[in-house]
Amino acid sequence: MDKQSAWWHLNQAIKESRFVSKDQLHDVLSLLMLHADWVADQHKRMRDYHQKSDKDFKFWQHICFIERGETSVIIRWRRFQGKRLYTEPLSTSELSDYKMPMSRFKSCSANEKRAIVVAENGFSTIRRINEKLSSISRSHQALFDMTRERHTDKSLEKKIKNSLDLPEDSIVQPDNAEFTEEQRIAFRKKIGL
């Protein structure tokens, strides 16, 4: 097998595996979303429990939001500001062992902090899997980009066109070719200029 055919076959195999891996990625993301929703629901259930059982209940200031991204599940915490409905997003840039540091959750009650710790333990697993999925997706895309039919040989293109009985002048000239004045005139006549 020549080099050009090998590149073509590799590219076809990567194209096929891309479709399979895309389906598998969506399946894994669906499972991660179920897990993330369960963790977020557990956090809400803990809040509801404490709200009903604690007579001195202070409204919890932090709430988590889950979204599905293209290649990952996005987990965000927001903090309520005062009595308004405005919430402030918490930065996730300081993750430690895939968990938000407790210093980001200020002025919480003890019960709210315990619930956040439980939720962050669940979210850390999802963040770890997200990182691996993103890495797999990036490397797979890089492999596909590297082999994406750029490696076409002009002689191979000529053989293919000859096997289809196409006229010789239908073969595209390379971009860096210099044309003589006669070739330019012939080309202008051919296109009607």
N, C-alpha and C. Protein backbone atom coordinates (compact mmCIF):
# COMPACT_ATOMS: atom_id res chain seq x y z
N MET A 1 0.86 -1.17 0.00
CA MET A 1 0.00 0.00 0.00
C MET A 1 0.90 1.23 0.00
N ASP A 2 0.64 2.16 -0.91
CA ASP A 2 1.46 3.36 -0.97
C ASP A 2 1.04 4.34 0.13
N LYS A 3 1.87 5.35 0.31
CA LYS A 3 1.67 6.32 1.39
C LYS A 3 0.32 7.02 1.26
N GLN A 4 -0.03 7.41 0.03
CA GLN A 4 -1.29 8.14 -0.18
C GLN A 4 -2.50 7.30 0.17
N SER A 5 -2.48 6.04 -0.24
CA SER A 5 -3.59 5.15 0.09
C SER A 5 -3.67 4.90 1.59
N ALA A 6 -2.51 4.78 2.23
CA ALA A 6 -2.49 4.58 3.69
C ALA A 6 -3.11 5.78 4.41
N TRP A 7 -2.75 7.00 3.98
CA TRP A 7 -3.35 8.21 4.59
C TRP A 7 -4.86 8.21 4.39
N TRP A 8 -5.29 7.84 3.18
CA TRP A 8 -6.72 7.85 2.89
C TRP A 8 -7.46 6.85 3.77
N HIS A 9 -6.92 5.64 3.90
CA HIS A 9 -7.56 4.61 4.73
C HIS A 9 -7.57 5.02 6.20
N LEU A 10 -6.47 5.61 6.66
CA LEU A 10 -6.43 6.09 8.05
C LEU A 10 -7.48 7.16 8.26
N ASN A 11 -7.60 8.07 7.31
CA ASN A 11 -8.59 9.14 7.42
C ASN A 11 -10.01 8.57 7.48
N GLN A 12 -10.30 7.56 6.65
CA GLN A 12 -11.63 6.95 6.66
C GLN A 12 -11.92 6.28 8.00
N ALA A 13 -10.91 5.58 8.53
CA ALA A 13 -11.09 4.92 9.83
C ALA A 13 -11.34 5.95 10.93
N ILE A 14 -10.62 7.06 10.87
CA ILE A 14 -10.81 8.11 11.89
C ILE A 14 -12.18 8.74 11.74
N LYS A 15 -12.64 8.96 10.49
CA LYS A 15 -13.98 9.51 10.29
C LYS A 15 -15.03 8.61 10.91
N GLU A 16 -14.92 7.30 10.67
CA GLU A 16 -15.89 6.36 11.22
C GLU A 16 -15.83 6.33 12.74
N SER A 17 -14.62 6.32 13.28
CA SER A 17 -14.49 6.28 14.75
C SER A 17 -14.97 7.57 15.37
N ARG A 18 -14.89 8.68 14.62
CA ARG A 18 -15.40 9.96 15.12
C ARG A 18 -16.89 9.89 15.37
N PHE A 19 -17.63 9.28 14.43
CA PHE A 19 -19.07 9.16 14.61
C PHE A 19 -19.39 8.27 15.80
N VAL A 20 -18.66 7.16 15.93
CA VAL A 20 -18.89 6.26 17.06
C VAL A 20 -18.55 6.96 18.36
N SER A 21 -17.40 7.63 18.41
CA SER A 21 -17.00 8.28 19.65
C SER A 21 -17.94 9.43 20.00
N LYS A 22 -18.50 10.10 18.99
CA LYS A 22 -19.45 11.18 19.26
C LYS A 22 -20.71 10.62 19.93
N ASP A 23 -21.19 9.48 19.43
CA ASP A 23 -22.34 8.84 20.06
C ASP A 23 -22.02 8.40 21.48
N GLN A 24 -20.84 7.82 21.66
CA GLN A 24 -20.44 7.38 22.99
C GLN A 24 -20.28 8.57 23.93
N LEU A 25 -19.74 9.68 23.42
CA LEU A 25 -19.60 10.89 24.23
C LEU A 25 -20.96 11.38 24.69
N HIS A 26 -21.94 11.38 23.79
CA HIS A 26 -23.29 11.82 24.17
C HIS A 26 -23.89 10.89 25.22
N ASP A 27 -23.63 9.58 25.10
CA ASP A 27 -24.13 8.64 26.10
C ASP A 27 -23.51 8.90 27.47
N VAL A 28 -22.20 9.10 27.49
CA VAL A 28 -21.51 9.37 28.76
C VAL A 28 -22.00 10.69 29.35
N LEU A 29 -22.17 11.71 28.49
CA LEU A 29 -22.68 13.00 28.99
C LEU A 29 -24.09 12.87 29.56
N SER A 30 -24.90 12.04 28.94
CA SER A 30 -26.26 11.83 29.47
C SER A 30 -26.20 11.20 30.86
N LEU A 31 -25.31 10.22 31.05
CA LEU A 31 -25.16 9.61 32.37
C LEU A 31 -24.61 10.61 33.38
N LEU A 32 -23.64 11.42 32.95
CA LEU A 32 -23.10 12.44 33.86
C LEU A 32 -24.17 13.45 34.25
N MET A 33 -25.02 13.84 33.29
CA MET A 33 -26.11 14.77 33.60
C MET A 33 -27.06 14.16 34.64
N LEU A 34 -27.38 12.88 34.49
CA LEU A 34 -28.24 12.22 35.48
C LEU A 34 -27.61 12.26 36.86
N HIS A 35 -26.30 11.96 36.92
CA HIS A 35 -25.60 11.98 38.20
C HIS A 35 -25.55 13.39 38.78
N ALA A 36 -25.24 14.37 37.95
CA ALA A 36 -25.17 15.77 38.42
C ALA A 36 -26.54 16.25 38.90
N ASP A 37 -27.60 15.90 38.17
CA ASP A 37 -28.95 16.27 38.60
C ASP A 37 -29.29 15.62 39.94
N TRP A 38 -28.88 14.37 40.11
CA TRP A 38 -29.14 13.69 41.36
C TRP A 38 -28.42 14.40 42.52
N VAL A 39 -27.16 14.79 42.31
CA VAL A 39 -26.40 15.50 43.35
C VAL A 39 -27.08 16.84 43.67
N ALA A 40 -27.49 17.58 42.63
CA ALA A 40 -28.15 18.86 42.85
C ALA A 40 -29.49 18.67 43.55
N ASP A 41 -30.23 17.64 43.19
CA ASP A 41 -31.51 17.35 43.87
C ASP A 41 -31.30 16.97 45.33
N GLN A 42 -30.22 16.22 45.58
CA GLN A 42 -29.90 15.85 46.95
C GLN A 42 -29.61 17.11 47.78
N HIS A 43 -28.90 18.07 47.19
CA HIS A 43 -28.62 19.34 47.87
C HIS A 43 -29.93 20.07 48.18
N LYS A 44 -30.85 20.09 47.24
CA LYS A 44 -32.15 20.75 47.47
C LYS A 44 -32.97 20.02 48.53
N ARG A 45 -32.91 18.68 48.52
CA ARG A 45 -33.63 17.92 49.54
C ARG A 45 -33.09 18.20 50.93
N MET A 46 -31.77 18.33 51.03
CA MET A 46 -31.17 18.65 52.33
C MET A 46 -31.62 20.04 52.80
N ARG A 47 -31.70 20.98 51.87
CA ARG A 47 -32.18 22.32 52.22
C ARG A 47 -33.63 22.27 52.69
N ASP A 48 -34.45 21.55 51.95
CA ASP A 48 -35.86 21.43 52.34
C ASP A 48 -36.01 20.75 53.71
N TYR A 49 -35.21 19.73 53.95
CA TYR A 49 -35.27 19.03 55.23
C TYR A 49 -34.94 19.99 56.37
N HIS A 50 -33.85 20.74 56.22
CA HIS A 50 -33.44 21.66 57.28
C HIS A 50 -34.43 22.82 57.43
N GLN A 51 -35.02 23.22 56.32
CA GLN A 51 -36.01 24.30 56.39
C GLN A 51 -37.23 23.87 57.20
N LYS A 52 -37.64 22.60 57.06
CA LYS A 52 -38.81 22.11 57.79
C LYS A 52 -38.49 21.75 59.23
N SER A 53 -37.28 21.22 59.48
CA SER A 53 -36.97 20.70 60.81
C SER A 53 -36.28 21.72 61.73
N ASP A 54 -35.67 22.75 61.17
CA ASP A 54 -34.95 23.73 61.99
C ASP A 54 -35.82 24.97 62.18
N LYS A 55 -36.19 25.26 63.44
CA LYS A 55 -37.05 26.42 63.69
C LYS A 55 -36.29 27.73 63.49
N ASP A 56 -34.95 27.71 63.60
CA ASP A 56 -34.14 28.92 63.39
C ASP A 56 -33.49 28.90 62.01
N PHE A 57 -34.18 28.33 61.06
CA PHE A 57 -33.62 28.17 59.71
C PHE A 57 -33.32 29.54 59.08
N LYS A 58 -32.12 29.68 58.59
CA LYS A 58 -31.71 30.86 57.85
C LYS A 58 -31.61 30.44 56.39
N PHE A 59 -32.24 31.19 55.48
CA PHE A 59 -32.28 30.80 54.07
C PHE A 59 -30.87 30.60 53.54
N TRP A 60 -30.67 29.50 52.83
CA TRP A 60 -29.35 29.19 52.28
C TRP A 60 -29.03 30.14 51.14
N GLN A 61 -27.80 30.58 51.10
CA GLN A 61 -27.39 31.59 50.12
C GLN A 61 -26.85 31.01 48.83
N HIS A 62 -26.47 29.76 48.81
CA HIS A 62 -25.81 29.18 47.63
C HIS A 62 -26.70 28.11 47.00
N ILE A 63 -26.71 28.14 45.69
CA ILE A 63 -27.48 27.15 44.93
C ILE A 63 -26.65 26.71 43.72
N CYS A 64 -26.79 25.44 43.35
CA CYS A 64 -26.01 24.93 42.22
C CYS A 64 -26.89 24.81 40.98
N PHE A 65 -26.27 25.03 39.84
CA PHE A 65 -26.93 24.92 38.54
C PHE A 65 -26.14 23.95 37.68
N ILE A 66 -26.85 23.12 36.94
CA ILE A 66 -26.23 22.12 36.08
C ILE A 66 -26.65 22.40 34.64
N GLU A 67 -25.67 22.38 33.72
CA GLU A 67 -25.95 22.54 32.29
C GLU A 67 -25.16 21.49 31.52
N ARG A 68 -25.68 21.14 30.37
CA ARG A 68 -24.95 20.21 29.50
C ARG A 68 -24.24 21.01 28.43
N GLY A 69 -22.92 20.87 28.39
CA GLY A 69 -22.13 21.53 27.36
C GLY A 69 -21.91 20.59 26.18
N GLU A 70 -21.08 21.02 25.24
CA GLU A 70 -20.80 20.21 24.05
C GLU A 70 -20.01 18.95 24.41
N THR A 71 -19.01 19.09 25.29
CA THR A 71 -18.18 17.94 25.64
C THR A 71 -18.07 17.73 27.15
N SER A 72 -18.89 18.42 27.93
CA SER A 72 -18.82 18.26 29.38
C SER A 72 -20.11 18.71 30.04
N VAL A 73 -20.23 18.35 31.30
CA VAL A 73 -21.34 18.82 32.13
C VAL A 73 -20.81 20.03 32.91
N ILE A 74 -21.54 21.12 32.85
CA ILE A 74 -21.10 22.36 33.48
C ILE A 74 -21.81 22.51 34.83
N ILE A 75 -21.01 22.68 35.87
CA ILE A 75 -21.54 22.82 37.23
C ILE A 75 -21.20 24.22 37.71
N ARG A 76 -22.22 24.96 38.12
CA ARG A 76 -22.00 26.33 38.59
C ARG A 76 -22.69 26.53 39.94
N TRP A 77 -22.03 27.27 40.78
CA TRP A 77 -22.63 27.70 42.05
C TRP A 77 -22.90 29.19 41.93
N ARG A 78 -24.02 29.60 42.50
CA ARG A 78 -24.37 31.02 42.54
C ARG A 78 -24.74 31.38 43.97
N ARG A 79 -24.49 32.64 44.31
CA ARG A 79 -24.77 33.13 45.66
C ARG A 79 -25.80 34.24 45.57
N PHE A 80 -26.83 34.12 46.38
CA PHE A 80 -27.86 35.16 46.42
C PHE A 80 -27.33 36.37 47.17
N GLN A 81 -27.67 37.55 46.68
CA GLN A 81 -27.24 38.81 47.28
C GLN A 81 -28.44 39.50 47.93
N GLY A 82 -28.53 39.42 49.20
CA GLY A 82 -29.57 40.15 49.91
C GLY A 82 -30.97 39.65 49.59
N LYS A 83 -31.94 40.57 49.63
CA LYS A 83 -33.34 40.20 49.41
C LYS A 83 -33.72 40.25 47.95
N ARG A 84 -32.83 40.78 47.11
CA ARG A 84 -33.14 40.83 45.68
C ARG A 84 -32.98 39.44 45.07
N LEU A 85 -33.47 39.30 43.85
CA LEU A 85 -33.35 38.02 43.16
C LEU A 85 -32.03 37.88 42.41
N TYR A 86 -31.17 38.88 42.53
CA TYR A 86 -29.87 38.85 41.85
C TYR A 86 -28.96 37.81 42.49
N THR A 87 -28.27 37.03 41.65
CA THR A 87 -27.29 36.07 42.14
C THR A 87 -25.94 36.36 41.51
N GLU A 88 -24.91 36.06 42.27
CA GLU A 88 -23.53 36.29 41.82
C GLU A 88 -22.88 34.93 41.58
N PRO A 89 -22.30 34.70 40.38
CA PRO A 89 -21.65 33.41 40.13
C PRO A 89 -20.35 33.29 40.92
N LEU A 90 -20.06 32.10 41.37
CA LEU A 90 -18.81 31.84 42.07
C LEU A 90 -17.79 31.31 41.06
N SER A 91 -16.59 31.82 41.13
CA SER A 91 -15.53 31.41 40.21
C SER A 91 -15.09 29.98 40.52
N THR A 92 -14.89 29.20 39.47
CA THR A 92 -14.41 27.82 39.65
C THR A 92 -12.93 27.71 39.32
N SER A 93 -12.24 28.82 39.27
CA SER A 93 -10.83 28.79 38.88
C SER A 93 -9.93 28.26 39.99
N GLU A 94 -10.42 28.16 41.20
CA GLU A 94 -9.58 27.73 42.32
C GLU A 94 -9.88 26.31 42.76
N LEU A 95 -10.28 25.46 41.85
CA LEU A 95 -10.61 24.09 42.23
C LEU A 95 -9.40 23.38 42.83
N SER A 96 -9.64 22.66 43.91
CA SER A 96 -8.60 21.87 44.54
C SER A 96 -9.11 20.44 44.63
N ASP A 97 -8.41 19.52 43.97
CA ASP A 97 -8.86 18.13 43.89
C ASP A 97 -10.27 18.06 43.33
N TYR A 98 -10.53 18.88 42.32
CA TYR A 98 -11.81 18.94 41.59
C TYR A 98 -12.97 19.42 42.47
N LYS A 99 -12.65 20.07 43.58
CA LYS A 99 -13.68 20.60 44.48
C LYS A 99 -13.50 22.09 44.66
N MET A 100 -14.63 22.78 44.84
CA MET A 100 -14.57 24.21 45.16
C MET A 100 -14.08 24.35 46.61
N PRO A 101 -13.16 25.26 46.87
CA PRO A 101 -12.73 25.45 48.26
C PRO A 101 -13.85 26.08 49.09
N MET A 102 -13.92 25.70 50.33
CA MET A 102 -14.99 26.21 51.20
C MET A 102 -14.85 27.71 51.45
N SER A 103 -13.69 28.27 51.19
CA SER A 103 -13.51 29.72 51.36
C SER A 103 -14.36 30.51 50.35
N ARG A 104 -14.78 29.87 49.27
CA ARG A 104 -15.64 30.54 48.28
C ARG A 104 -17.08 30.68 48.78
N PHE A 105 -17.45 29.87 49.77
CA PHE A 105 -18.82 29.89 50.30
C PHE A 105 -18.81 30.63 51.63
N LYS A 106 -18.98 31.93 51.55
CA LYS A 106 -18.90 32.76 52.75
C LYS A 106 -20.26 32.92 53.40
N SER A 107 -20.24 33.17 54.67
CA SER A 107 -21.42 33.44 55.50
C SER A 107 -22.52 32.38 55.36
N CYS A 108 -22.10 31.13 55.43
CA CYS A 108 -23.06 30.02 55.39
C CYS A 108 -23.34 29.53 56.80
N SER A 109 -24.50 28.96 56.96
CA SER A 109 -24.78 28.28 58.22
C SER A 109 -24.04 26.94 58.20
N ALA A 110 -23.93 26.31 59.35
CA ALA A 110 -23.22 25.03 59.45
C ALA A 110 -23.92 23.96 58.61
N ASN A 111 -25.25 23.97 58.63
CA ASN A 111 -25.99 22.98 57.85
C ASN A 111 -25.77 23.19 56.35
N GLU A 112 -25.74 24.45 55.91
CA GLU A 112 -25.52 24.71 54.49
C GLU A 112 -24.12 24.27 54.08
N LYS A 113 -23.12 24.52 54.94
CA LYS A 113 -21.75 24.10 54.61
C LYS A 113 -21.66 22.58 54.50
N ARG A 114 -22.33 21.87 55.40
CA ARG A 114 -22.32 20.41 55.33
C ARG A 114 -22.95 19.93 54.01
N ALA A 115 -24.04 20.55 53.62
CA ALA A 115 -24.71 20.16 52.37
C ALA A 115 -23.83 20.48 51.16
N ILE A 116 -23.12 21.60 51.20
CA ILE A 116 -22.22 21.97 50.10
C ILE A 116 -21.06 20.98 50.00
N VAL A 117 -20.52 20.57 51.15
CA VAL A 117 -19.42 19.59 51.15
C VAL A 117 -19.89 18.28 50.52
N VAL A 118 -21.09 17.83 50.88
CA VAL A 118 -21.64 16.59 50.31
C VAL A 118 -21.81 16.75 48.79
N ALA A 119 -22.36 17.89 48.36
CA ALA A 119 -22.57 18.13 46.93
C ALA A 119 -21.24 18.20 46.19
N GLU A 120 -20.27 18.89 46.76
CA GLU A 120 -18.96 19.01 46.10
C GLU A 120 -18.25 17.67 45.99
N ASN A 121 -18.46 16.77 46.96
CA ASN A 121 -17.89 15.42 46.83
C ASN A 121 -18.47 14.72 45.61
N GLY A 122 -19.77 14.87 45.38
CA GLY A 122 -20.39 14.28 44.19
C GLY A 122 -19.95 14.96 42.91
N PHE A 123 -19.85 16.29 42.95
CA PHE A 123 -19.47 17.04 41.75
C PHE A 123 -18.01 16.81 41.37
N SER A 124 -17.16 16.49 42.36
CA SER A 124 -15.74 16.29 42.04
C SER A 124 -15.55 15.11 41.08
N THR A 125 -16.34 14.06 41.26
CA THR A 125 -16.27 12.92 40.34
C THR A 125 -16.65 13.33 38.93
N ILE A 126 -17.69 14.13 38.82
CA ILE A 126 -18.15 14.59 37.50
C ILE A 126 -17.08 15.48 36.86
N ARG A 127 -16.48 16.36 37.64
CA ARG A 127 -15.43 17.24 37.09
C ARG A 127 -14.22 16.43 36.62
N ARG A 128 -13.88 15.40 37.35
CA ARG A 128 -12.75 14.55 36.97
C ARG A 128 -13.05 13.85 35.63
N ILE A 129 -14.24 13.31 35.49
CA ILE A 129 -14.64 12.65 34.24
C ILE A 129 -14.71 13.67 33.10
N ASN A 130 -15.22 14.88 33.40
CA ASN A 130 -15.25 15.95 32.39
C ASN A 130 -13.86 16.22 31.83
N GLU A 131 -12.88 16.30 32.71
CA GLU A 131 -11.51 16.58 32.27
C GLU A 131 -11.00 15.49 31.33
N LYS A 132 -11.27 14.24 31.67
CA LYS A 132 -10.83 13.13 30.82
C LYS A 132 -11.56 13.13 29.49
N LEU A 133 -12.86 13.40 29.50
CA LEU A 133 -13.63 13.46 28.25
C LEU A 133 -13.12 14.56 27.34
N SER A 134 -12.82 15.73 27.93
CA SER A 134 -12.31 16.84 27.13
C SER A 134 -10.96 16.49 26.51
N SER A 135 -10.13 15.82 27.28
CA SER A 135 -8.81 15.41 26.77
C SER A 135 -8.96 14.41 25.62
N ILE A 136 -9.85 13.44 25.77
CA ILE A 136 -10.09 12.46 24.71
C ILE A 136 -10.64 13.15 23.47
N SER A 137 -11.58 14.05 23.67
CA SER A 137 -12.20 14.75 22.54
C SER A 137 -11.17 15.61 21.80
N ARG A 138 -10.32 16.33 22.54
CA ARG A 138 -9.28 17.16 21.90
C ARG A 138 -8.28 16.32 21.13
N SER A 139 -7.83 15.21 21.72
CA SER A 139 -6.83 14.38 21.02
C SER A 139 -7.44 13.71 19.80
N HIS A 140 -8.69 13.31 19.90
CA HIS A 140 -9.35 12.71 18.75
C HIS A 140 -9.52 13.73 17.63
N GLN A 141 -9.90 14.96 17.99
CA GLN A 141 -10.04 16.02 16.98
C GLN A 141 -8.69 16.35 16.35
N ALA A 142 -7.63 16.36 17.15
CA ALA A 142 -6.29 16.63 16.61
C ALA A 142 -5.87 15.55 15.62
N LEU A 143 -6.16 14.31 15.94
CA LEU A 143 -5.83 13.21 15.02
C LEU A 143 -6.61 13.35 13.73
N PHE A 144 -7.88 13.69 13.84
CA PHE A 144 -8.69 13.88 12.65
C PHE A 144 -8.17 15.05 11.81
N ASP A 145 -7.84 16.17 12.46
CA ASP A 145 -7.31 17.33 11.74
C ASP A 145 -5.99 17.00 11.06
N MET A 146 -5.18 16.18 11.70
CA MET A 146 -3.87 15.84 11.15
C MET A 146 -3.99 15.01 9.88
N THR A 147 -5.01 14.19 9.76
CA THR A 147 -5.13 13.29 8.62
C THR A 147 -6.20 13.71 7.62
N ARG A 148 -6.77 14.85 7.79
CA ARG A 148 -7.94 15.26 7.00
C ARG A 148 -7.59 15.51 5.54
N GLU A 149 -7.43 14.51 4.76
CA GLU A 149 -7.30 14.57 3.31
C GLU A 149 -6.44 15.71 2.78
N ARG A 150 -5.50 16.17 3.57
CA ARG A 150 -4.58 17.19 3.08
C ARG A 150 -3.47 16.56 2.27
N HIS A 151 -3.30 15.28 2.47
CA HIS A 151 -2.17 14.58 1.90
C HIS A 151 -2.52 13.98 0.55
N THR A 152 -3.08 14.81 -0.32
CA THR A 152 -3.42 14.32 -1.65
C THR A 152 -2.27 14.64 -2.59
N ASP A 153 -1.92 13.68 -3.38
CA ASP A 153 -0.85 13.81 -4.34
C ASP A 153 -1.47 14.20 -5.69
N LYS A 154 -0.88 15.17 -6.36
CA LYS A 154 -1.43 15.62 -7.65
C LYS A 154 -1.41 14.49 -8.68
N SER A 155 -0.40 13.61 -8.63
CA SER A 155 -0.36 12.50 -9.59
C SER A 155 -1.51 11.52 -9.31
N LEU A 156 -1.86 11.34 -8.02
CA LEU A 156 -2.99 10.48 -7.68
C LEU A 156 -4.28 11.10 -8.19
N GLU A 157 -4.41 12.41 -8.05
CA GLU A 157 -5.60 13.11 -8.56
C GLU A 157 -5.69 12.94 -10.08
N LYS A 158 -4.54 13.03 -10.76
CA LYS A 158 -4.52 12.87 -12.22
C LYS A 158 -4.93 11.46 -12.61
N LYS A 159 -4.44 10.43 -11.87
CA LYS A 159 -4.81 9.04 -12.16
C LYS A 159 -6.31 8.84 -12.00
N ILE A 160 -6.88 9.42 -10.94
CA ILE A 160 -8.32 9.28 -10.70
C ILE A 160 -9.10 9.92 -11.83
N LYS A 161 -8.71 11.13 -12.25
CA LYS A 161 -9.44 11.81 -13.32
C LYS A 161 -9.27 11.09 -14.65
N ASN A 162 -8.08 10.52 -14.91
CA ASN A 162 -7.88 9.74 -16.14
C ASN A 162 -8.73 8.48 -16.14
N SER A 163 -8.89 7.87 -14.96
CA SER A 163 -9.72 6.66 -14.90
C SER A 163 -11.19 7.00 -15.13
N LEU A 164 -11.56 8.25 -14.91
CA LEU A 164 -12.95 8.69 -15.17
C LEU A 164 -13.10 9.25 -16.57
N ASP A 165 -12.04 9.21 -17.40
CA ASP A 165 -12.03 9.72 -18.77
C ASP A 165 -12.37 11.20 -18.84
N LEU A 166 -11.84 11.98 -17.92
CA LEU A 166 -12.02 13.43 -17.96
C LEU A 166 -10.92 14.04 -18.82
N PRO A 167 -11.19 15.14 -19.52
CA PRO A 167 -10.13 15.76 -20.34
C PRO A 167 -9.00 16.27 -19.45
N GLU A 168 -7.81 16.32 -20.04
CA GLU A 168 -6.60 16.71 -19.32
C GLU A 168 -6.69 18.11 -18.73
N ASP A 169 -7.34 19.06 -19.44
CA ASP A 169 -7.36 20.44 -18.96
C ASP A 169 -8.33 20.65 -17.79
N SER A 170 -9.08 19.61 -17.39
CA SER A 170 -9.97 19.76 -16.23
C SER A 170 -9.21 19.59 -14.93
N ILE A 171 -7.96 19.13 -15.02
CA ILE A 171 -7.16 18.99 -13.80
C ILE A 171 -6.71 20.37 -13.36
N VAL A 172 -6.93 20.66 -12.09
CA VAL A 172 -6.61 21.97 -11.54
C VAL A 172 -5.10 22.11 -11.41
N GLN A 173 -4.59 23.26 -11.85
CA GLN A 173 -3.17 23.54 -11.73
C GLN A 173 -2.85 23.94 -10.29
N PRO A 174 -1.66 23.63 -9.80
CA PRO A 174 -1.30 24.05 -8.45
C PRO A 174 -1.27 25.58 -8.35
N ASP A 175 -1.50 26.08 -7.16
CA ASP A 175 -1.58 27.53 -6.94
C ASP A 175 -0.28 28.26 -7.26
N ASN A 176 0.83 27.61 -7.07
CA ASN A 176 2.10 28.29 -7.26
C ASN A 176 2.66 28.19 -8.68
N ALA A 177 1.88 27.66 -9.63
CA ALA A 177 2.35 27.52 -11.01
C ALA A 177 2.34 28.88 -11.72
N GLU A 178 3.33 29.10 -12.57
CA GLU A 178 3.38 30.32 -13.35
C GLU A 178 2.84 30.02 -14.74
N PHE A 179 1.95 30.88 -15.22
CA PHE A 179 1.30 30.67 -16.50
C PHE A 179 1.95 31.57 -17.55
N THR A 180 2.06 31.01 -18.75
CA THR A 180 2.57 31.82 -19.86
C THR A 180 1.43 32.66 -20.40
N GLU A 181 1.77 33.63 -21.21
CA GLU A 181 0.75 34.50 -21.81
C GLU A 181 -0.18 33.71 -22.72
N GLU A 182 0.35 32.72 -23.43
CA GLU A 182 -0.49 31.89 -24.30
C GLU A 182 -1.52 31.10 -23.48
N GLN A 183 -1.11 30.59 -22.31
CA GLN A 183 -2.04 29.86 -21.46
C GLN A 183 -3.14 30.79 -20.92
N ARG A 184 -2.77 32.01 -20.59
CA ARG A 184 -3.76 32.98 -20.09
C ARG A 184 -4.78 33.32 -21.19
N ILE A 185 -4.27 33.54 -22.42
CA ILE A 185 -5.17 33.86 -23.54
C ILE A 185 -6.10 32.68 -23.82
N ALA A 186 -5.54 31.47 -23.82
CA ALA A 186 -6.36 30.28 -24.07
C ALA A 186 -7.43 30.12 -22.98
N PHE A 187 -7.04 30.40 -21.75
CA PHE A 187 -8.01 30.29 -20.64
C PHE A 187 -9.11 31.33 -20.78
N ARG A 188 -8.76 32.57 -21.12
CA ARG A 188 -9.77 33.63 -21.29
C ARG A 188 -10.74 33.29 -22.41
N LYS A 189 -10.21 32.75 -23.52
CA LYS A 189 -11.09 32.35 -24.63
C LYS A 189 -12.02 31.23 -24.19
N LYS A 190 -11.49 30.30 -23.43
CA LYS A 190 -12.27 29.17 -22.99
C LYS A 190 -13.44 29.59 -22.11
N ILE A 191 -13.25 30.60 -21.28
CA ILE A 191 -14.35 31.04 -20.42
C ILE A 191 -15.15 32.20 -21.01
N GLY A 192 -14.80 32.62 -22.23
CA GLY A 192 -15.60 33.62 -22.93
C GLY A 192 -15.23 35.06 -22.65
N LEU A 193 -14.01 35.32 -22.27
CA LEU A 193 -13.59 36.71 -22.05
C LEU A 193 -12.80 37.25 -23.22
